[in-house]
Amino acid sequence: MRYDRIYLDWDGVMWDFMQAYLDWHGIQEKLMTDRWDFYSDLGMTEEEFISSLKRLPKEFWNQEKYITDEAKALVEWARENGDTVKVLTVTGGDNACLSGKRDLASRLFGLSVYGVKNGLNKKHYMATAGKTNLLIDDSLENIYAWEQSYADGTNYGYIWPAEYNKGEEGRFYFDKSWLQLPAIKKKAHWALTDSDRSALLKEMAAEKEEKPVLDYDGMEEAKRRKMTPMFSGCLAYFPDALAQVAQNSMVGHYQHNDPTEPMYWDRSKSADELDAIIRHLADHSKDPYDADGRLHLSKVAWRALAMLQKFIEEENSNE
């Protein structure tokens, strides 16, 4: 749908608040936490944390270097899909916080900033009946309150993905891949012009153009040999895997033949390739290593190559 208003959360979405807070207080360690209330890892209570926020000057909130990598693209996406785009953020009634955020958002993105005392208060802001409003916020609690604030369903919400808000199955997380789309593809279908549709059709037609296909059967022998890159197309791709296969050949030689003789493949022994492949795959799920210390997957690869070799030889023989 086309939204009348799109509201973007600031801290955690447009601006890396946690890193800014740590740097400002000279905390060098990188907190390995998946919780929004990271301050508890610093030994602070919620009251102490809120008190510390009120002491932060405008200069703290006005630091451009903490703008997130996705912020610019997110604003562009919002402007493609909404008539009006604004920042809706928690300022706690702190004038320094609101002033700093307003200066930064206006200077970098040309956006207005509206502050609320706490996240749940966002549900009361400009949620005019009959208007379609979208909030993109990293707080699940804020999204829930926002969506439920009007029974007529005029409020919609996207959760901005973060480590501390994962695991909500069935919820609508904002897909960051949308931000990588070309400008035309970011538009909803109702926003496309005739020129846009023409450009998309041409792009789709170009993508469907058939790519050249190699016809090995129709090649002359010299070309077929040149187009069969045994080194660059096989050994260079899978050096470690093929080394394991080669070692399996030697292990098999020691097991089935006289190890004092030159290595050779005795095809009369252990020829159940399909059964062996399935057996090793099943055993791999229990333990990657066989009883002899070899990887089950390396034995799967050896058996697959053996079966392929026998099949090709049989095909050639039939021809």
Protein backbone atom coordinates (compact mmCIF):
# COMPACT_ATOMS: atom_id res chain seq x y z
CA MET A 1 0.00 0.00 0.00
CA ARG A 2 0.91 3.64 -0.23
CA TYR A 3 1.46 5.14 3.23
CA ASP A 4 0.36 8.62 4.15
CA ARG A 5 3.13 8.87 6.73
CA ILE A 6 6.21 6.79 7.40
CA TYR A 7 7.90 7.24 10.77
CA LEU A 8 11.50 6.09 11.21
CA ASP A 9 12.96 5.29 14.60
CA TRP A 10 16.33 6.95 15.20
CA ASP A 11 18.37 5.12 17.87
CA GLY A 12 19.25 1.62 16.68
CA VAL A 13 17.86 2.20 13.19
CA MET A 14 19.30 5.44 11.82
CA TRP A 15 21.94 6.02 14.49
CA ASP A 16 24.21 3.59 16.39
CA PHE A 17 23.30 4.72 19.89
CA MET A 18 25.06 1.94 21.80
CA GLN A 19 28.45 2.55 20.15
CA ALA A 20 28.06 6.30 20.57
CA TYR A 21 27.32 5.87 24.28
CA LEU A 22 30.28 3.55 24.85
CA ASP A 23 32.71 5.82 22.99
CA TRP A 24 31.49 8.95 24.78
CA HIS A 25 32.16 7.36 28.16
CA GLY A 26 35.52 5.96 27.11
CA ILE A 27 34.45 2.32 27.28
CA GLN A 28 36.86 0.52 24.98
CA GLU A 29 35.50 -3.02 25.21
CA LYS A 30 33.02 -4.19 22.59
CA LEU A 31 29.99 -5.50 24.41
CA MET A 32 29.01 -8.96 23.22
CA THR A 33 25.35 -8.69 24.04
CA ASP A 34 22.12 -9.41 22.24
CA ARG A 35 20.02 -7.31 24.60
CA TRP A 36 18.77 -3.81 24.03
CA ASP A 37 19.34 -2.92 27.69
CA PHE A 38 23.11 -3.18 27.25
CA TYR A 39 23.62 -0.86 30.21
CA SER A 40 23.06 -3.80 32.57
CA ASP A 41 26.31 -5.27 31.24
CA LEU A 42 27.97 -2.10 32.48
CA GLY A 43 26.64 -2.68 35.99
CA MET A 44 24.02 0.08 35.71
CA THR A 45 20.40 0.00 36.76
CA GLU A 46 17.74 1.44 34.48
CA GLU A 47 17.41 4.48 36.73
CA GLU A 48 21.17 5.11 36.63
CA PHE A 49 21.18 4.73 32.85
CA ILE A 50 18.32 7.18 32.34
CA SER A 51 20.01 9.61 34.69
CA SER A 52 23.22 9.38 32.65
CA LEU A 53 21.29 10.13 29.45
CA LYS A 54 19.93 13.35 30.89
CA ARG A 55 23.49 14.57 31.49
CA LEU A 56 24.52 14.13 27.85
CA PRO A 57 24.97 17.43 25.97
CA LYS A 58 23.63 18.29 22.55
CA GLU A 59 27.06 17.53 21.06
CA PHE A 60 26.63 13.86 21.93
CA TRP A 61 23.40 13.52 19.94
CA ASN A 62 24.78 15.49 17.00
CA GLN A 63 27.62 13.12 15.97
CA GLU A 64 27.42 12.26 12.30
CA LYS A 65 29.90 9.35 12.47
CA TYR A 66 27.33 7.10 14.16
CA ILE A 67 24.83 7.24 11.31
CA THR A 68 24.20 3.61 10.30
CA ASP A 69 25.24 2.22 6.93
CA GLU A 70 21.61 1.65 5.91
CA ALA A 71 20.26 5.06 7.01
CA LYS A 72 20.51 6.86 3.66
CA ALA A 73 19.02 3.95 1.70
CA LEU A 74 16.24 3.57 4.27
CA VAL A 75 15.25 7.22 3.88
CA GLU A 76 15.22 6.82 0.10
CA TRP A 77 13.02 3.72 0.41
CA ALA A 78 10.64 5.56 2.73
CA ARG A 79 10.33 8.49 0.34
CA GLU A 80 9.50 6.10 -2.50
CA ASN A 81 6.70 4.53 -0.46
CA GLY A 82 5.27 7.32 1.68
CA ASP A 83 3.87 10.79 1.12
CA THR A 84 5.54 12.11 4.28
CA VAL A 85 8.62 10.80 6.07
CA LYS A 86 9.55 11.82 9.61
CA VAL A 87 11.76 10.63 12.44
CA LEU A 88 9.88 9.55 15.57
CA THR A 89 12.26 8.98 18.45
CA VAL A 90 12.49 8.87 22.23
CA THR A 91 13.98 12.01 23.74
CA GLY A 92 12.60 11.68 27.27
CA GLY A 93 11.69 15.34 27.33
CA ASP A 94 15.40 16.26 27.13
CA ASN A 95 15.90 19.40 25.03
CA ALA A 96 19.57 18.64 24.36
CA CYS A 97 18.67 15.23 22.96
CA LEU A 98 15.85 16.55 20.78
CA SER A 99 17.89 19.51 19.53
CA GLY A 100 20.90 17.37 18.64
CA LYS A 101 18.83 14.79 16.77
CA ARG A 102 16.91 17.49 14.91
CA ASP A 103 20.08 19.20 13.73
CA LEU A 104 21.61 15.95 12.50
CA ALA A 105 18.50 14.57 10.79
CA SER A 106 17.78 17.88 9.10
CA ARG A 107 21.36 18.42 7.93
CA LEU A 108 21.91 14.91 6.54
CA PHE A 109 18.46 13.83 5.38
CA GLY A 110 16.20 16.88 5.38
CA LEU A 111 13.92 15.13 7.90
CA SER A 112 11.86 16.54 10.74
CA VAL A 113 12.26 14.91 14.15
CA TYR A 114 9.48 14.43 16.65
CA GLY A 115 10.39 13.36 20.17
CA VAL A 116 8.34 11.39 22.69
CA LYS A 117 8.98 10.69 26.36
CA ASN A 118 9.14 6.91 25.89
CA GLY A 119 8.69 4.35 23.13
CA LEU A 120 5.13 3.42 24.01
CA ASN A 121 4.09 7.05 23.58
CA LYS A 122 4.76 6.71 19.86
CA LYS A 123 1.35 5.07 19.47
CA HIS A 124 -0.34 8.38 20.28
CA TYR A 125 1.61 10.42 17.78
CA MET A 126 -0.15 11.56 14.61
CA ALA A 127 -2.11 8.29 14.37
CA THR A 128 -5.00 10.03 12.65
CA ALA A 129 -7.97 7.82 11.80
CA GLY A 130 -8.33 7.29 8.07
CA LYS A 131 -4.61 7.73 7.46
CA THR A 132 -2.18 4.92 6.79
CA ASN A 133 0.83 5.24 9.06
CA LEU A 134 3.92 3.04 9.06
CA LEU A 135 6.46 2.82 11.88
CA ILE A 136 9.88 1.19 11.41
CA ASP A 137 11.29 0.56 14.86
CA ASP A 138 13.78 -1.84 16.46
CA SER A 139 11.62 -2.30 19.57
CA LEU A 140 9.08 -5.13 19.44
CA GLU A 141 7.14 -3.54 22.27
CA ASN A 142 6.83 -0.25 20.39
CA ILE A 143 5.64 -2.01 17.22
CA TYR A 144 3.01 -4.01 19.12
CA ALA A 145 1.64 -0.88 20.81
CA TRP A 146 1.69 1.06 17.54
CA GLU A 147 -0.23 -1.57 15.56
CA GLN A 148 -2.84 -2.09 18.26
CA SER A 149 -3.53 1.59 18.91
CA TYR A 150 -6.22 1.79 16.23
CA ALA A 151 -8.86 -0.87 15.67
CA ASP A 152 -9.41 0.21 12.06
CA GLY A 153 -5.93 -1.02 11.17
CA THR A 154 -4.52 2.30 10.00
CA ASN A 155 -1.20 1.75 11.79
CA TYR A 156 1.32 -0.69 10.37
CA GLY A 157 4.74 -1.62 11.66
CA TYR A 158 8.00 -3.15 10.49
CA ILE A 159 10.55 -4.48 12.97
CA TRP A 160 14.05 -3.29 12.12
CA PRO A 161 16.19 -6.46 12.42
CA ALA A 162 18.73 -6.54 15.24
CA GLU A 163 20.41 -9.13 17.46
CA TYR A 164 18.14 -8.22 20.37
CA ASN A 165 14.78 -8.63 18.59
CA LYS A 166 15.16 -11.92 16.73
CA GLY A 167 12.84 -14.89 16.92
CA GLU A 168 9.43 -13.33 16.40
CA GLU A 169 7.94 -15.80 13.94
CA GLY A 170 5.12 -14.42 11.87
CA ARG A 171 6.09 -10.82 12.55
CA PHE A 172 6.93 -8.41 9.75
CA TYR A 173 10.63 -7.74 9.81
CA PHE A 174 11.94 -5.11 7.44
CA ASP A 175 13.89 -6.86 4.70
CA LYS A 176 17.13 -4.93 4.30
CA SER A 177 17.62 -6.39 0.82
CA TRP A 178 14.89 -4.00 -0.32
CA LEU A 179 17.37 -1.19 0.20
CA GLN A 180 19.71 -2.66 -2.42
CA LEU A 181 17.14 -2.65 -5.21
CA PRO A 182 17.43 -0.19 -8.10
CA ALA A 183 15.31 2.91 -7.64
CA ILE A 184 12.57 1.65 -9.99
CA LYS A 185 12.21 -1.66 -8.16
CA LYS A 186 11.91 0.09 -4.80
CA LYS A 187 8.64 1.59 -5.96
CA ALA A 188 5.37 -0.17 -5.26
CA HIS A 189 3.39 -1.13 -8.36
CA TRP A 190 1.01 1.79 -7.97
CA ALA A 191 3.93 4.23 -8.02
CA LEU A 192 5.38 3.04 -11.34
CA THR A 193 5.13 5.36 -14.33
CA ASP A 194 4.77 4.10 -17.91
CA SER A 195 8.46 4.85 -18.37
CA ASP A 196 9.29 2.74 -15.29
CA ARG A 197 7.24 -0.19 -16.57
CA SER A 198 8.91 -0.01 -19.98
CA ALA A 199 12.36 -0.05 -18.38
CA LEU A 200 11.43 -3.03 -16.18
CA LEU A 201 10.08 -4.98 -19.15
CA LYS A 202 13.29 -4.40 -21.09
CA GLU A 203 15.33 -5.53 -18.09
CA MET A 204 13.20 -8.67 -17.69
CA ALA A 205 13.56 -9.47 -21.39
CA ALA A 206 17.34 -9.06 -21.19
CA GLU A 207 17.50 -11.40 -18.18
CA LYS A 208 15.56 -14.04 -20.11
CA GLU A 209 17.88 -13.98 -23.12
CA GLU A 210 19.41 -17.39 -23.54
CA LYS A 211 23.06 -17.66 -22.63
CA PRO A 212 25.38 -19.70 -24.85
CA VAL A 213 25.39 -23.41 -24.00
CA LEU A 214 28.44 -25.62 -24.46
CA ASP A 215 27.76 -28.54 -26.81
CA TYR A 216 30.54 -30.96 -26.01
CA ASP A 217 29.10 -33.69 -28.22
CA GLY A 218 29.19 -31.39 -31.24
CA MET A 219 32.76 -30.18 -30.65
CA GLU A 220 35.78 -31.36 -32.53
CA GLU A 221 38.22 -33.33 -30.40
CA ALA A 222 40.81 -30.53 -30.22
CA LYS A 223 38.26 -28.01 -28.99
CA ARG A 224 36.70 -30.49 -26.55
CA ARG A 225 40.13 -31.10 -25.00
CA LYS A 226 40.71 -27.34 -24.72
CA MET A 227 37.28 -26.83 -23.13
CA THR A 228 37.91 -29.57 -20.53
CA PRO A 229 39.97 -27.72 -17.90
CA MET A 230 41.15 -30.64 -15.75
CA PHE A 231 43.36 -28.39 -13.62
CA SER A 232 41.57 -25.03 -13.50
CA GLY A 233 38.08 -26.55 -13.55
CA CYS A 234 38.63 -29.49 -11.21
CA LEU A 235 41.87 -29.64 -9.22
CA ALA A 236 41.94 -25.87 -8.63
CA TYR A 237 38.30 -25.95 -7.48
CA PHE A 238 38.59 -28.89 -5.07
CA PRO A 239 42.25 -29.42 -4.09
CA ASP A 240 41.58 -30.46 -0.50
CA ALA A 241 38.59 -32.65 -1.36
CA LEU A 242 40.45 -34.42 -4.18
CA ALA A 243 43.42 -35.00 -1.90
CA GLN A 244 41.06 -36.82 0.48
CA VAL A 245 39.75 -38.92 -2.43
CA ALA A 246 43.31 -39.78 -3.47
CA GLN A 247 44.15 -40.81 0.08
CA ASN A 248 41.09 -43.05 0.12
CA SER A 249 42.42 -44.76 -3.01
CA MET A 250 45.66 -45.50 -1.20
CA VAL A 251 43.80 -46.71 1.90
CA GLY A 252 41.71 -49.00 -0.31
CA HIS A 253 44.84 -50.29 -2.01
CA TYR A 254 46.36 -51.22 1.34
CA GLN A 255 43.07 -52.82 2.41
CA HIS A 256 42.27 -54.86 -0.71
CA ASN A 257 45.61 -55.38 -2.50
CA ASP A 258 49.23 -56.15 -1.80
CA PRO A 259 50.64 -52.77 -0.66
CA THR A 260 54.06 -53.70 -2.05
CA GLU A 261 52.62 -53.68 -5.56
CA PRO A 262 51.86 -50.48 -7.55
CA MET A 263 48.47 -49.05 -6.64
CA TYR A 264 45.57 -50.18 -8.80
CA TRP A 265 41.78 -50.30 -8.56
CA ASP A 266 40.53 -53.85 -8.11
CA ARG A 267 36.96 -53.41 -9.33
CA SER A 268 35.95 -56.90 -8.29
CA LYS A 269 36.02 -55.84 -4.63
CA SER A 270 33.49 -53.65 -2.82
CA ALA A 271 31.56 -52.59 -5.93
CA ASP A 272 28.31 -51.53 -4.21
CA GLU A 273 28.67 -47.81 -4.98
CA LEU A 274 25.06 -46.71 -4.42
CA ASP A 275 24.64 -48.58 -1.14
CA ALA A 276 28.02 -47.32 0.06
CA ILE A 277 27.14 -43.71 -0.77
CA ILE A 278 23.90 -43.88 1.21
CA ARG A 279 25.60 -45.70 4.07
CA HIS A 280 28.35 -43.10 4.41
CA LEU A 281 25.87 -40.21 4.16
CA ALA A 282 23.79 -41.72 6.95
CA ASP A 283 26.88 -42.35 9.09
CA HIS A 284 28.11 -38.78 8.45
CA SER A 285 25.02 -37.42 10.21
CA LYS A 286 26.07 -39.33 13.33
CA ASP A 287 29.83 -38.77 13.19
CA PRO A 288 31.77 -37.13 10.32
CA TYR A 289 34.62 -39.64 10.76
CA ASP A 290 34.55 -43.34 9.93
CA ALA A 291 36.08 -45.95 12.22
CA ASP A 292 39.35 -45.80 10.26
CA GLY A 293 39.62 -42.04 10.79
CA ARG A 294 38.63 -41.14 7.23
CA LEU A 295 35.86 -38.65 6.53
CA HIS A 296 32.60 -40.26 5.47
CA LEU A 297 32.06 -37.46 2.92
CA SER A 298 35.41 -38.21 1.30
CA LYS A 299 34.23 -41.80 0.84
CA VAL A 300 30.96 -40.53 -0.61
CA ALA A 301 32.99 -38.51 -3.14
CA TRP A 302 35.20 -41.54 -3.97
CA ARG A 303 32.18 -43.78 -4.51
CA ALA A 304 30.42 -41.14 -6.62
CA LEU A 305 33.48 -40.80 -8.87
CA ALA A 306 33.74 -44.58 -9.13
CA MET A 307 30.10 -44.86 -10.17
CA LEU A 308 30.46 -42.02 -12.66
CA GLN A 309 33.56 -43.59 -14.19
CA LYS A 310 31.84 -46.97 -14.59
CA PHE A 311 28.73 -45.36 -16.07
CA ILE A 312 30.73 -43.39 -18.67
CA GLU A 313 32.69 -46.47 -19.63
CA GLU A 314 29.48 -48.43 -20.08
CA GLU A 315 27.96 -45.65 -22.19
CA ASN A 316 31.04 -45.54 -24.39
CA SER A 317 30.97 -49.29 -24.72
CA ASN A 318 27.32 -49.26 -25.83
CA GLU A 319 28.05 -46.62 -28.44
